[in-house]
Amino acid sequence: MRHPCVRLLGVGLLAVTLAGCASMAQRQLADNLGRAVLSQDDPATVQSGAPAFLLLLDGMLEGDPDDVDLLIASARLHAAYAAVFVDDAERAGRLAKKAHGYARRALCLSRPALCDLHERPFADYDAALAPVGRDALPALYTYGVTWAAVIEAQGDWQGAADLPKVEAILDRVVVIDETYERGQAHVYLGAMRSLVPPTLGGKPERGRAHFERAIALSNGRNLMAQVEFAQRYARLTFDRPLHDQLLNDVVAADPVEPGLTLSNVLAQARATEMLASAPQYFPE
């Protein structure tokens, strides 16, 4: 069963910007396609059309395999498509690994000193990431979230040995610019830090702080942040009033928002499902 965080957060990765394509015509086409995807309020249309976009990106990379912007865009779309629309675990895993491969290449090209980041021990991560600045932010963020997609495809978040490395990467993203992608790094961190209940030594209040910050950074318009807050924190802590308030607010909201319409529509569908299942989840 796919982790709800990645399934919903993957929609945000469908917003790809291909500013570095080989020609002005390609840039314009890619930009228009990206904006069209984000503006869709019909997920089925995106699901049907996304494979053609994936092939288009692969074709562009055949002509320019070291284009960092194109690698980032392709990595994000492959990971998003796998997380949101692919139910077959084996296929989703292949797409996630392909996405992370593109992201690793983009990060290596952007920051050659980080070419071996994947193999470094966790103890070296703070020192390795400290010099990374805004110039490498898109590559670093994409590297982190596609790695999360690979972990998700493996189906064991709590047992993932690499999860602390992903958290360290996203922590660095927040330090560089917490507003990047409308605070989406905070949503990932909120989900990751709400995996373990307090009774088992977890500190989900750290996750809550991330979710609240993400909501604030988007002025409440990133409905996925609220759904994930309810899914990962409110259910973990059995906070029914918070759970229902968050989800009812999502359902009642206008989903149309530049750059967020598609993700908001999917978030509303998930919120409706969660409200319906709440009586079975929360004890009376």
C-alpha atoms as a PDB file:
ATOM      1  CA  MET A   1       0.000   0.000   0.000  1.00  0.00           C
ATOM      2  CA  ARG A   2       1.444   3.336  -1.041  1.00  0.00           C
ATOM      3  CA  HIS A   3       2.385   5.778   1.679  1.00  0.00           C
ATOM      4  CA  PRO A   4      -0.274   8.552   1.628  1.00  0.00           C
ATOM      5  CA  CYS A   5       2.367  11.231   2.026  1.00  0.00           C
ATOM      6  CA  VAL A   6       4.230  10.369  -1.130  1.00  0.00           C
ATOM      7  CA  ARG A   7       1.089   9.579  -3.087  1.00  0.00           C
ATOM      8  CA  LEU A   8      -0.255  13.074  -2.495  1.00  0.00           C
ATOM      9  CA  LEU A   9       3.012  14.928  -2.380  1.00  0.00           C
ATOM     10  CA  GLY A  10       3.940  13.409  -5.688  1.00  0.00           C
ATOM     11  CA  VAL A  11       1.336  15.610  -7.313  1.00  0.00           C
ATOM     12  CA  GLY A  12       3.398  18.637  -6.424  1.00  0.00           C
ATOM     13  CA  LEU A  13       6.253  17.219  -8.466  1.00  0.00           C
ATOM     14  CA  LEU A  14       4.081  17.265 -11.577  1.00  0.00           C
ATOM     15  CA  ALA A  15       4.808  20.981 -11.675  1.00  0.00           C
ATOM     16  CA  VAL A  16       7.957  20.742 -13.749  1.00  0.00           C
ATOM     17  CA  THR A  17       9.896  23.675 -15.148  1.00  0.00           C
ATOM     18  CA  LEU A  18      12.177  22.846 -18.042  1.00  0.00           C
ATOM     19  CA  ALA A  19      14.022  26.135 -18.283  1.00  0.00           C
ATOM     20  CA  GLY A  20      17.232  24.545 -19.512  1.00  0.00           C
ATOM     21  CA  CYS A  21      16.072  22.660 -22.579  1.00  0.00           C
ATOM     22  CA  ALA A  22      18.123  22.763 -25.727  1.00  0.00           C
ATOM     23  CA  SER A  23      16.097  25.318 -27.662  1.00  0.00           C
ATOM     24  CA  MET A  24      13.717  28.199 -27.072  1.00  0.00           C
ATOM     25  CA  ALA A  25      10.926  26.194 -28.698  1.00  0.00           C
ATOM     26  CA  GLN A  26      11.535  23.315 -26.304  1.00  0.00           C
ATOM     27  CA  ARG A  27      11.569  25.681 -23.353  1.00  0.00           C
ATOM     28  CA  GLN A  28       8.256  27.192 -24.396  1.00  0.00           C
ATOM     29  CA  LEU A  29       6.674  23.793 -25.040  1.00  0.00           C
ATOM     30  CA  ALA A  30       7.841  22.370 -21.730  1.00  0.00           C
ATOM     31  CA  ASP A  31       6.761  25.458 -19.806  1.00  0.00           C
ATOM     32  CA  ASN A  32       3.315  25.394 -21.408  1.00  0.00           C
ATOM     33  CA  LEU A  33       2.912  21.680 -20.705  1.00  0.00           C
ATOM     34  CA  GLY A  34       3.944  22.135 -17.096  1.00  0.00           C
ATOM     35  CA  ARG A  35       1.466  24.945 -16.549  1.00  0.00           C
ATOM     36  CA  ALA A  36      -1.273  22.980 -18.301  1.00  0.00           C
ATOM     37  CA  VAL A  37      -0.719  20.023 -15.972  1.00  0.00           C
ATOM     38  CA  LEU A  38      -0.909  22.230 -12.898  1.00  0.00           C
ATOM     39  CA  SER A  39      -4.095  23.887 -14.129  1.00  0.00           C
ATOM     40  CA  GLN A  40      -5.972  20.630 -14.634  1.00  0.00           C
ATOM     41  CA  ASP A  41      -8.862  19.878 -12.322  1.00  0.00           C
ATOM     42  CA  ASP A  42      -9.336  16.409 -13.848  1.00  0.00           C
ATOM     43  CA  PRO A  43      -6.681  13.954 -12.589  1.00  0.00           C
ATOM     44  CA  ALA A  44      -7.749  11.365 -15.179  1.00  0.00           C
ATOM     45  CA  THR A  45      -6.648  13.683 -17.967  1.00  0.00           C
ATOM     46  CA  VAL A  46      -3.229  14.030 -16.396  1.00  0.00           C
ATOM     47  CA  GLN A  47      -2.979  10.291 -15.826  1.00  0.00           C
ATOM     48  CA  SER A  48      -3.696   9.638 -19.480  1.00  0.00           C
ATOM     49  CA  GLY A  49      -1.377  12.312 -20.813  1.00  0.00           C
ATOM     50  CA  ALA A  50       1.608  12.011 -18.476  1.00  0.00           C
ATOM     51  CA  PRO A  51       3.221   8.977 -20.196  1.00  0.00           C
ATOM     52  CA  ALA A  52       3.571  10.940 -23.415  1.00  0.00           C
ATOM     53  CA  PHE A  53       5.256  13.755 -21.485  1.00  0.00           C
ATOM     54  CA  LEU A  54       7.640  11.236 -19.885  1.00  0.00           C
ATOM     55  CA  LEU A  55       8.641   9.962 -23.317  1.00  0.00           C
ATOM     56  CA  LEU A  56       9.083  13.521 -24.541  1.00  0.00           C
ATOM     57  CA  LEU A  57      11.445  14.270 -21.670  1.00  0.00           C
ATOM     58  CA  ASP A  58      13.410  11.084 -22.265  1.00  0.00           C
ATOM     59  CA  GLY A  59      13.745  12.044 -25.912  1.00  0.00           C
ATOM     60  CA  MET A  60      15.045  15.483 -24.997  1.00  0.00           C
ATOM     61  CA  LEU A  61      17.586  13.910 -22.654  1.00  0.00           C
ATOM     62  CA  GLU A  62      18.822  11.666 -25.448  1.00  0.00           C
ATOM     63  CA  GLY A  63      19.875  14.829 -27.233  1.00  0.00           C
ATOM     64  CA  ASP A  64      21.312  16.590 -24.188  1.00  0.00           C
ATOM     65  CA  PRO A  65      21.998  14.115 -21.346  1.00  0.00           C
ATOM     66  CA  ASP A  66      23.843  16.667 -19.195  1.00  0.00           C
ATOM     67  CA  ASP A  67      21.167  19.355 -19.148  1.00  0.00           C
ATOM     68  CA  VAL A  68      20.655  19.861 -15.406  1.00  0.00           C
ATOM     69  CA  ASP A  69      17.261  21.541 -15.665  1.00  0.00           C
ATOM     70  CA  LEU A  70      15.968  18.834 -17.952  1.00  0.00           C
ATOM     71  CA  LEU A  71      17.282  16.101 -15.655  1.00  0.00           C
ATOM     72  CA  ILE A  72      15.525  17.739 -12.704  1.00  0.00           C
ATOM     73  CA  ALA A  73      12.269  18.089 -14.583  1.00  0.00           C
ATOM     74  CA  SER A  74      12.336  14.494 -15.780  1.00  0.00           C
ATOM     75  CA  ALA A  75      13.223  13.208 -12.320  1.00  0.00           C
ATOM     76  CA  ARG A  76      10.301  15.060 -10.757  1.00  0.00           C
ATOM     77  CA  LEU A  77       7.739  13.939 -13.297  1.00  0.00           C
ATOM     78  CA  HIS A  78       8.833  10.288 -13.239  1.00  0.00           C
ATOM     79  CA  ALA A  79       8.657  10.235  -9.434  1.00  0.00           C
ATOM     80  CA  ALA A  80       5.312  12.018  -9.336  1.00  0.00           C
ATOM     81  CA  TYR A  81       3.729   9.769 -11.932  1.00  0.00           C
ATOM     82  CA  ALA A  82       4.941   6.667 -10.088  1.00  0.00           C
ATOM     83  CA  ALA A  83       3.685   7.903  -6.718  1.00  0.00           C
ATOM     84  CA  VAL A  84       0.295   9.189  -7.824  1.00  0.00           C
ATOM     85  CA  PHE A  85      -0.861   7.045 -10.719  1.00  0.00           C
ATOM     86  CA  VAL A  86       0.989   3.698 -10.694  1.00  0.00           C
ATOM     87  CA  ASP A  87      -0.563   0.948  -8.583  1.00  0.00           C
ATOM     88  CA  ASP A  88       1.826  -1.824  -9.599  1.00  0.00           C
ATOM     89  CA  ALA A  89       4.573  -1.846  -6.957  1.00  0.00           C
ATOM     90  CA  GLU A  90       7.269  -3.244  -9.225  1.00  0.00           C
ATOM     91  CA  ARG A  91       6.610  -0.681 -11.949  1.00  0.00           C
ATOM     92  CA  ALA A  92       6.421   2.154  -9.446  1.00  0.00           C
ATOM     93  CA  GLY A  93       9.766   1.067  -8.061  1.00  0.00           C
ATOM     94  CA  ARG A  94      11.388   1.092 -11.503  1.00  0.00           C
ATOM     95  CA  LEU A  95      10.080   4.576 -12.234  1.00  0.00           C
ATOM     96  CA  ALA A  96      11.182   5.866  -8.829  1.00  0.00           C
ATOM     97  CA  LYS A  97      14.691   4.483  -9.297  1.00  0.00           C
ATOM     98  CA  LYS A  98      14.879   6.016 -12.756  1.00  0.00           C
ATOM     99  CA  ALA A  99      13.781   9.352 -11.305  1.00  0.00           C
ATOM    100  CA  HIS A 100      16.399   9.190  -8.586  1.00  0.00           C
ATOM    101  CA  GLY A 101      19.057   8.295 -11.129  1.00  0.00           C
ATOM    102  CA  TYR A 102      18.255  11.455 -13.060  1.00  0.00           C
ATOM    103  CA  ALA A 103      18.320  13.454  -9.822  1.00  0.00           C
ATOM    104  CA  ARG A 104      21.688  12.031  -8.804  1.00  0.00           C
ATOM    105  CA  ARG A 105      23.129  13.010 -12.152  1.00  0.00           C
ATOM    106  CA  ALA A 106      21.698  16.519 -11.858  1.00  0.00           C
ATOM    107  CA  LEU A 107      23.154  16.953  -8.378  1.00  0.00           C
ATOM    108  CA  CYS A 108      26.543  15.633  -9.481  1.00  0.00           C
ATOM    109  CA  LEU A 109      26.618  18.069 -12.393  1.00  0.00           C
ATOM    110  CA  SER A 110      25.499  20.937 -10.152  1.00  0.00           C
ATOM    111  CA  ARG A 111      27.841  20.083  -7.277  1.00  0.00           C
ATOM    112  CA  PRO A 112      30.641  17.685  -8.299  1.00  0.00           C
ATOM    113  CA  ALA A 113      31.734  17.391  -4.662  1.00  0.00           C
ATOM    114  CA  LEU A 114      28.427  15.604  -3.967  1.00  0.00           C
ATOM    115  CA  CYS A 115      28.735  12.953  -6.667  1.00  0.00           C
ATOM    116  CA  ASP A 116      29.345  10.337  -3.975  1.00  0.00           C
ATOM    117  CA  LEU A 117      26.758  11.648  -1.517  1.00  0.00           C
ATOM    118  CA  HIS A 118      24.630   8.519  -1.812  1.00  0.00           C
ATOM    119  CA  GLU A 119      27.476   6.321  -0.558  1.00  0.00           C
ATOM    120  CA  ARG A 120      28.680   8.550   2.273  1.00  0.00           C
ATOM    121  CA  PRO A 121      27.981   7.547   5.881  1.00  0.00           C
ATOM    122  CA  PHE A 122      25.332   9.576   7.642  1.00  0.00           C
ATOM    123  CA  ALA A 123      27.935  11.058   9.991  1.00  0.00           C
ATOM    124  CA  ASP A 124      29.416  12.957   7.032  1.00  0.00           C
ATOM    125  CA  TYR A 125      26.158  14.475   5.837  1.00  0.00           C
ATOM    126  CA  ASP A 126      26.110  17.721   7.788  1.00  0.00           C
ATOM    127  CA  ALA A 127      29.606  18.642   6.616  1.00  0.00           C
ATOM    128  CA  ALA A 128      28.873  17.606   3.044  1.00  0.00           C
ATOM    129  CA  LEU A 129      25.633  19.579   2.806  1.00  0.00           C
ATOM    130  CA  ALA A 130      26.729  22.715   4.639  1.00  0.00           C
ATOM    131  CA  PRO A 131      28.357  24.382   1.588  1.00  0.00           C
ATOM    132  CA  VAL A 132      25.319  23.807  -0.646  1.00  0.00           C
ATOM    133  CA  GLY A 133      23.627  27.101  -1.474  1.00  0.00           C
ATOM    134  CA  ARG A 134      20.735  28.454  -3.472  1.00  0.00           C
ATOM    135  CA  ASP A 135      22.390  27.737  -6.823  1.00  0.00           C
ATOM    136  CA  ALA A 136      22.080  23.983  -6.235  1.00  0.00           C
ATOM    137  CA  LEU A 137      18.732  24.099  -4.416  1.00  0.00           C
ATOM    138  CA  PRO A 138      16.571  22.623  -7.233  1.00  0.00           C
ATOM    139  CA  ALA A 139      18.967  19.717  -7.714  1.00  0.00           C
ATOM    140  CA  LEU A 140      19.294  19.053  -3.980  1.00  0.00           C
ATOM    141  CA  TYR A 141      15.542  19.173  -3.380  1.00  0.00           C
ATOM    142  CA  THR A 142      14.856  16.855  -6.304  1.00  0.00           C
ATOM    143  CA  TYR A 143      17.543  14.473  -5.111  1.00  0.00           C
ATOM    144  CA  GLY A 144      15.905  14.311  -1.690  1.00  0.00           C
ATOM    145  CA  VAL A 145      12.306  13.852  -2.779  1.00  0.00           C
ATOM    146  CA  THR A 146      13.113  11.254  -5.436  1.00  0.00           C
ATOM    147  CA  TRP A 147      15.094   9.324  -2.839  1.00  0.00           C
ATOM    148  CA  ALA A 148      11.970   9.456  -0.672  1.00  0.00           C
ATOM    149  CA  ALA A 149      10.037   8.043  -3.637  1.00  0.00           C
ATOM    150  CA  VAL A 150      12.452   5.117  -3.852  1.00  0.00           C
ATOM    151  CA  ILE A 151      12.019   4.407  -0.132  1.00  0.00           C
ATOM    152  CA  GLU A 152       8.255   4.629  -0.503  1.00  0.00           C
ATOM    153  CA  ALA A 153       8.303   2.157  -3.379  1.00  0.00           C
ATOM    154  CA  GLN A 154      10.133  -0.303  -1.140  1.00  0.00           C
ATOM    155  CA  GLY A 155       7.188  -0.139   1.246  1.00  0.00           C
ATOM    156  CA  ASP A 156       8.914   0.278   4.600  1.00  0.00           C
ATOM    157  CA  TRP A 157       9.289   3.859   5.798  1.00  0.00           C
ATOM    158  CA  GLN A 158       9.953   3.093   9.430  1.00  0.00           C
ATOM    159  CA  GLY A 159      12.563   0.468   8.586  1.00  0.00           C
ATOM    160  CA  ALA A 160      14.341   2.494   5.905  1.00  0.00           C
ATOM    161  CA  ALA A 161      17.985   2.872   6.839  1.00  0.00           C
ATOM    162  CA  ASP A 162      18.403   5.801   4.440  1.00  0.00           C
ATOM    163  CA  LEU A 163      15.559   7.876   5.853  1.00  0.00           C
ATOM    164  CA  PRO A 164      17.844   9.992   8.116  1.00  0.00           C
ATOM    165  CA  LYS A 165      19.877  10.936   5.043  1.00  0.00           C
ATOM    166  CA  VAL A 166      16.745  12.109   3.237  1.00  0.00           C
ATOM    167  CA  GLU A 167      15.735  14.114   6.300  1.00  0.00           C
ATOM    168  CA  ALA A 168      19.180  15.741   6.404  1.00  0.00           C
ATOM    169  CA  ILE A 169      18.842  16.762   2.756  1.00  0.00           C
ATOM    170  CA  LEU A 170      15.409  18.295   3.299  1.00  0.00           C
ATOM    171  CA  ASP A 171      16.613  20.017   6.464  1.00  0.00           C
ATOM    172  CA  ARG A 172      19.283  21.678   4.339  1.00  0.00           C
ATOM    173  CA  VAL A 173      16.645  22.713   1.789  1.00  0.00           C
ATOM    174  CA  VAL A 174      14.686  24.394   4.579  1.00  0.00           C
ATOM    175  CA  VAL A 175      17.798  26.217   5.771  1.00  0.00           C
ATOM    176  CA  ILE A 176      18.588  27.452   2.256  1.00  0.00           C
ATOM    177  CA  ASP A 177      15.029  28.575   1.494  1.00  0.00           C
ATOM    178  CA  GLU A 178      12.043  27.209   3.386  1.00  0.00           C
ATOM    179  CA  THR A 179       9.658  28.876   0.915  1.00  0.00           C
ATOM    180  CA  TYR A 180      10.948  26.794  -2.007  1.00  0.00           C
ATOM    181  CA  GLU A 181       8.092  24.930  -3.739  1.00  0.00           C
ATOM    182  CA  ARG A 182       5.681  26.651  -1.335  1.00  0.00           C
ATOM    183  CA  GLY A 183       7.266  25.051   1.695  1.00  0.00           C
ATOM    184  CA  GLN A 184       6.888  21.509   0.404  1.00  0.00           C
ATOM    185  CA  ALA A 185      10.048  20.350   2.184  1.00  0.00           C
ATOM    186  CA  HIS A 186       8.261  21.062   5.462  1.00  0.00           C
ATOM    187  CA  VAL A 187       5.427  18.734   4.419  1.00  0.00           C
ATOM    188  CA  TYR A 188       7.872  15.914   3.724  1.00  0.00           C
ATOM    189  CA  LEU A 189       9.648  16.501   7.028  1.00  0.00           C
ATOM    190  CA  GLY A 190       6.334  16.649   8.862  1.00  0.00           C
ATOM    191  CA  ALA A 191       5.368  13.253   7.488  1.00  0.00           C
ATOM    192  CA  MET A 192       8.752  11.703   8.215  1.00  0.00           C
ATOM    193  CA  ARG A 193       8.787  13.042  11.764  1.00  0.00           C
ATOM    194  CA  SER A 194       5.294  11.778  12.495  1.00  0.00           C
ATOM    195  CA  LEU A 195       6.016   8.111  11.837  1.00  0.00           C
ATOM    196  CA  VAL A 196       6.534   6.974  15.435  1.00  0.00           C
ATOM    197  CA  PRO A 197       3.941   7.529  18.204  1.00  0.00           C
ATOM    198  CA  PRO A 198       4.988   9.047  21.535  1.00  0.00           C
ATOM    199  CA  THR A 199       4.393   5.702  23.276  1.00  0.00           C
ATOM    200  CA  LEU A 200       7.262   4.240  21.249  1.00  0.00           C
ATOM    201  CA  GLY A 201       9.600   7.162  21.769  1.00  0.00           C
ATOM    202  CA  GLY A 202       8.520   9.291  18.810  1.00  0.00           C
ATOM    203  CA  LYS A 203       8.290  13.079  18.889  1.00  0.00           C
ATOM    204  CA  PRO A 204       5.395  13.838  16.552  1.00  0.00           C
ATOM    205  CA  GLU A 205       5.182  17.430  17.798  1.00  0.00           C
ATOM    206  CA  ARG A 206       8.211  18.061  15.584  1.00  0.00           C
ATOM    207  CA  GLY A 207       6.141  16.850  12.665  1.00  0.00           C
ATOM    208  CA  ARG A 208       3.234  19.070  13.668  1.00  0.00           C
ATOM    209  CA  ALA A 209       5.491  22.125  13.629  1.00  0.00           C
ATOM    210  CA  HIS A 210       6.564  21.341  10.075  1.00  0.00           C
ATOM    211  CA  PHE A 211       2.982  20.901   8.885  1.00  0.00           C
ATOM    212  CA  GLU A 212       1.885  24.158  10.483  1.00  0.00           C
ATOM    213  CA  ARG A 213       4.794  25.973   8.886  1.00  0.00           C
ATOM    214  CA  ALA A 214       3.985  24.554   5.451  1.00  0.00           C
ATOM    215  CA  ILE A 215       0.371  25.669   5.770  1.00  0.00           C
ATOM    216  CA  ALA A 216       1.477  29.147   6.805  1.00  0.00           C
ATOM    217  CA  LEU A 217       3.952  29.434   3.929  1.00  0.00           C
ATOM    218  CA  SER A 218       1.215  28.644   1.403  1.00  0.00           C
ATOM    219  CA  ASN A 219      -1.346  30.869   3.142  1.00  0.00           C
ATOM    220  CA  GLY A 220      -3.483  27.788   3.598  1.00  0.00           C
ATOM    221  CA  ARG A 221      -3.731  27.157  -0.130  1.00  0.00           C
ATOM    222  CA  ASN A 222      -1.650  23.980  -0.206  1.00  0.00           C
ATOM    223  CA  LEU A 223      -4.471  21.619   0.712  1.00  0.00           C
ATOM    224  CA  MET A 224      -2.149  18.627   0.613  1.00  0.00           C
ATOM    225  CA  ALA A 225      -0.329  19.988   3.634  1.00  0.00           C
ATOM    226  CA  GLN A 226      -3.564  19.908   5.634  1.00  0.00           C
ATOM    227  CA  VAL A 227      -4.446  16.407   4.480  1.00  0.00           C
ATOM    228  CA  GLU A 228      -1.006  15.142   5.421  1.00  0.00           C
ATOM    229  CA  PHE A 229      -1.271  16.904   8.778  1.00  0.00           C
ATOM    230  CA  ALA A 230      -4.484  15.006   9.445  1.00  0.00           C
ATOM    231  CA  GLN A 231      -3.183  11.692   8.088  1.00  0.00           C
ATOM    232  CA  ARG A 232       0.234  11.637   9.680  1.00  0.00           C
ATOM    233  CA  TYR A 233      -0.150  13.628  12.903  1.00  0.00           C
ATOM    234  CA  ALA A 234      -3.813  13.778  13.934  1.00  0.00           C
ATOM    235  CA  ARG A 235      -4.358  10.076  13.356  1.00  0.00           C
ATOM    236  CA  LEU A 236      -1.082   9.161  15.026  1.00  0.00           C
ATOM    237  CA  THR A 237      -2.025  11.105  18.154  1.00  0.00           C
ATOM    238  CA  PHE A 238      -5.748  10.223  17.958  1.00  0.00           C
ATOM    239  CA  ASP A 239      -6.714  13.890  17.808  1.00  0.00           C
ATOM    240  CA  ARG A 240     -10.168  13.560  16.245  1.00  0.00           C
ATOM    241  CA  PRO A 241     -11.192  17.243  16.532  1.00  0.00           C
ATOM    242  CA  LEU A 242      -8.015  18.393  14.743  1.00  0.00           C
ATOM    243  CA  HIS A 243      -8.370  15.620  12.174  1.00  0.00           C
ATOM    244  CA  ASP A 244     -11.938  16.538  11.265  1.00  0.00           C
ATOM    245  CA  GLN A 245     -11.327  20.271  11.300  1.00  0.00           C
ATOM    246  CA  LEU A 246      -8.400  19.997   8.897  1.00  0.00           C
ATOM    247  CA  LEU A 247     -10.232  17.699   6.490  1.00  0.00           C
ATOM    248  CA  ASN A 248     -13.529  19.599   6.550  1.00  0.00           C
ATOM    249  CA  ASP A 249     -11.618  22.783   5.768  1.00  0.00           C
ATOM    250  CA  VAL A 250      -9.991  21.037   2.803  1.00  0.00           C
ATOM    251  CA  VAL A 251     -13.295  19.753   1.446  1.00  0.00           C
ATOM    252  CA  ALA A 252     -14.899  23.203   1.771  1.00  0.00           C
ATOM    253  CA  ALA A 253     -12.013  25.068   0.134  1.00  0.00           C
ATOM    254  CA  ASP A 254     -11.897  26.331  -3.429  1.00  0.00           C
ATOM    255  CA  PRO A 255      -9.306  24.050  -5.073  1.00  0.00           C
ATOM    256  CA  VAL A 256      -8.446  26.481  -7.857  1.00  0.00           C
ATOM    257  CA  GLU A 257      -5.052  28.016  -7.144  1.00  0.00           C
ATOM    258  CA  PRO A 258      -2.239  28.810  -9.580  1.00  0.00           C
ATOM    259  CA  GLY A 259       0.292  26.018  -9.363  1.00  0.00           C
ATOM    260  CA  LEU A 260      -1.797  23.924  -6.969  1.00  0.00           C
ATOM    261  CA  THR A 261      -5.149  23.153  -8.617  1.00  0.00           C
ATOM    262  CA  LEU A 262      -4.398  19.544  -9.527  1.00  0.00           C
ATOM    263  CA  SER A 263      -2.872  18.693  -6.162  1.00  0.00           C
ATOM    264  CA  ASN A 264      -5.733  20.429  -4.366  1.00  0.00           C
ATOM    265  CA  VAL A 265      -8.340  18.400  -6.268  1.00  0.00           C
ATOM    266  CA  LEU A 266      -6.602  15.168  -5.306  1.00  0.00           C
ATOM    267  CA  ALA A 267      -6.221  16.363  -1.734  1.00  0.00           C
ATOM    268  CA  GLN A 268      -9.966  16.979  -1.539  1.00  0.00           C
ATOM    269  CA  ALA A 269     -10.680  13.458  -2.774  1.00  0.00           C
ATOM    270  CA  ARG A 270      -8.349  12.035  -0.136  1.00  0.00           C
ATOM    271  CA  ALA A 271      -9.922  14.225   2.566  1.00  0.00           C
ATOM    272  CA  THR A 272     -13.379  12.902   1.700  1.00  0.00           C
ATOM    273  CA  GLU A 273     -12.109   9.311   1.976  1.00  0.00           C
ATOM    274  CA  MET A 274     -10.458  10.000   5.319  1.00  0.00           C
ATOM    275  CA  LEU A 275     -13.571  11.619   6.791  1.00  0.00           C
ATOM    276  CA  ALA A 276     -15.611   8.606   5.737  1.00  0.00           C
ATOM    277  CA  SER A 277     -13.166   6.194   7.379  1.00  0.00           C
ATOM    278  CA  ALA A 278     -12.708   8.249  10.567  1.00  0.00           C
ATOM    279  CA  PRO A 279     -15.359   6.405  12.631  1.00  0.00           C
ATOM    280  CA  GLN A 280     -13.501   3.147  12.081  1.00  0.00           C
ATOM    281  CA  TYR A 281     -10.158   4.692  12.970  1.00  0.00           C
ATOM    282  CA  PHE A 282     -10.920   6.695  16.095  1.00  0.00           C
ATOM    283  CA  PRO A 283     -12.230   4.904  19.166  1.00  0.00           C
ATOM    284  CA  GLU A 284     -15.424   6.239  20.700  1.00  0.00           C
END
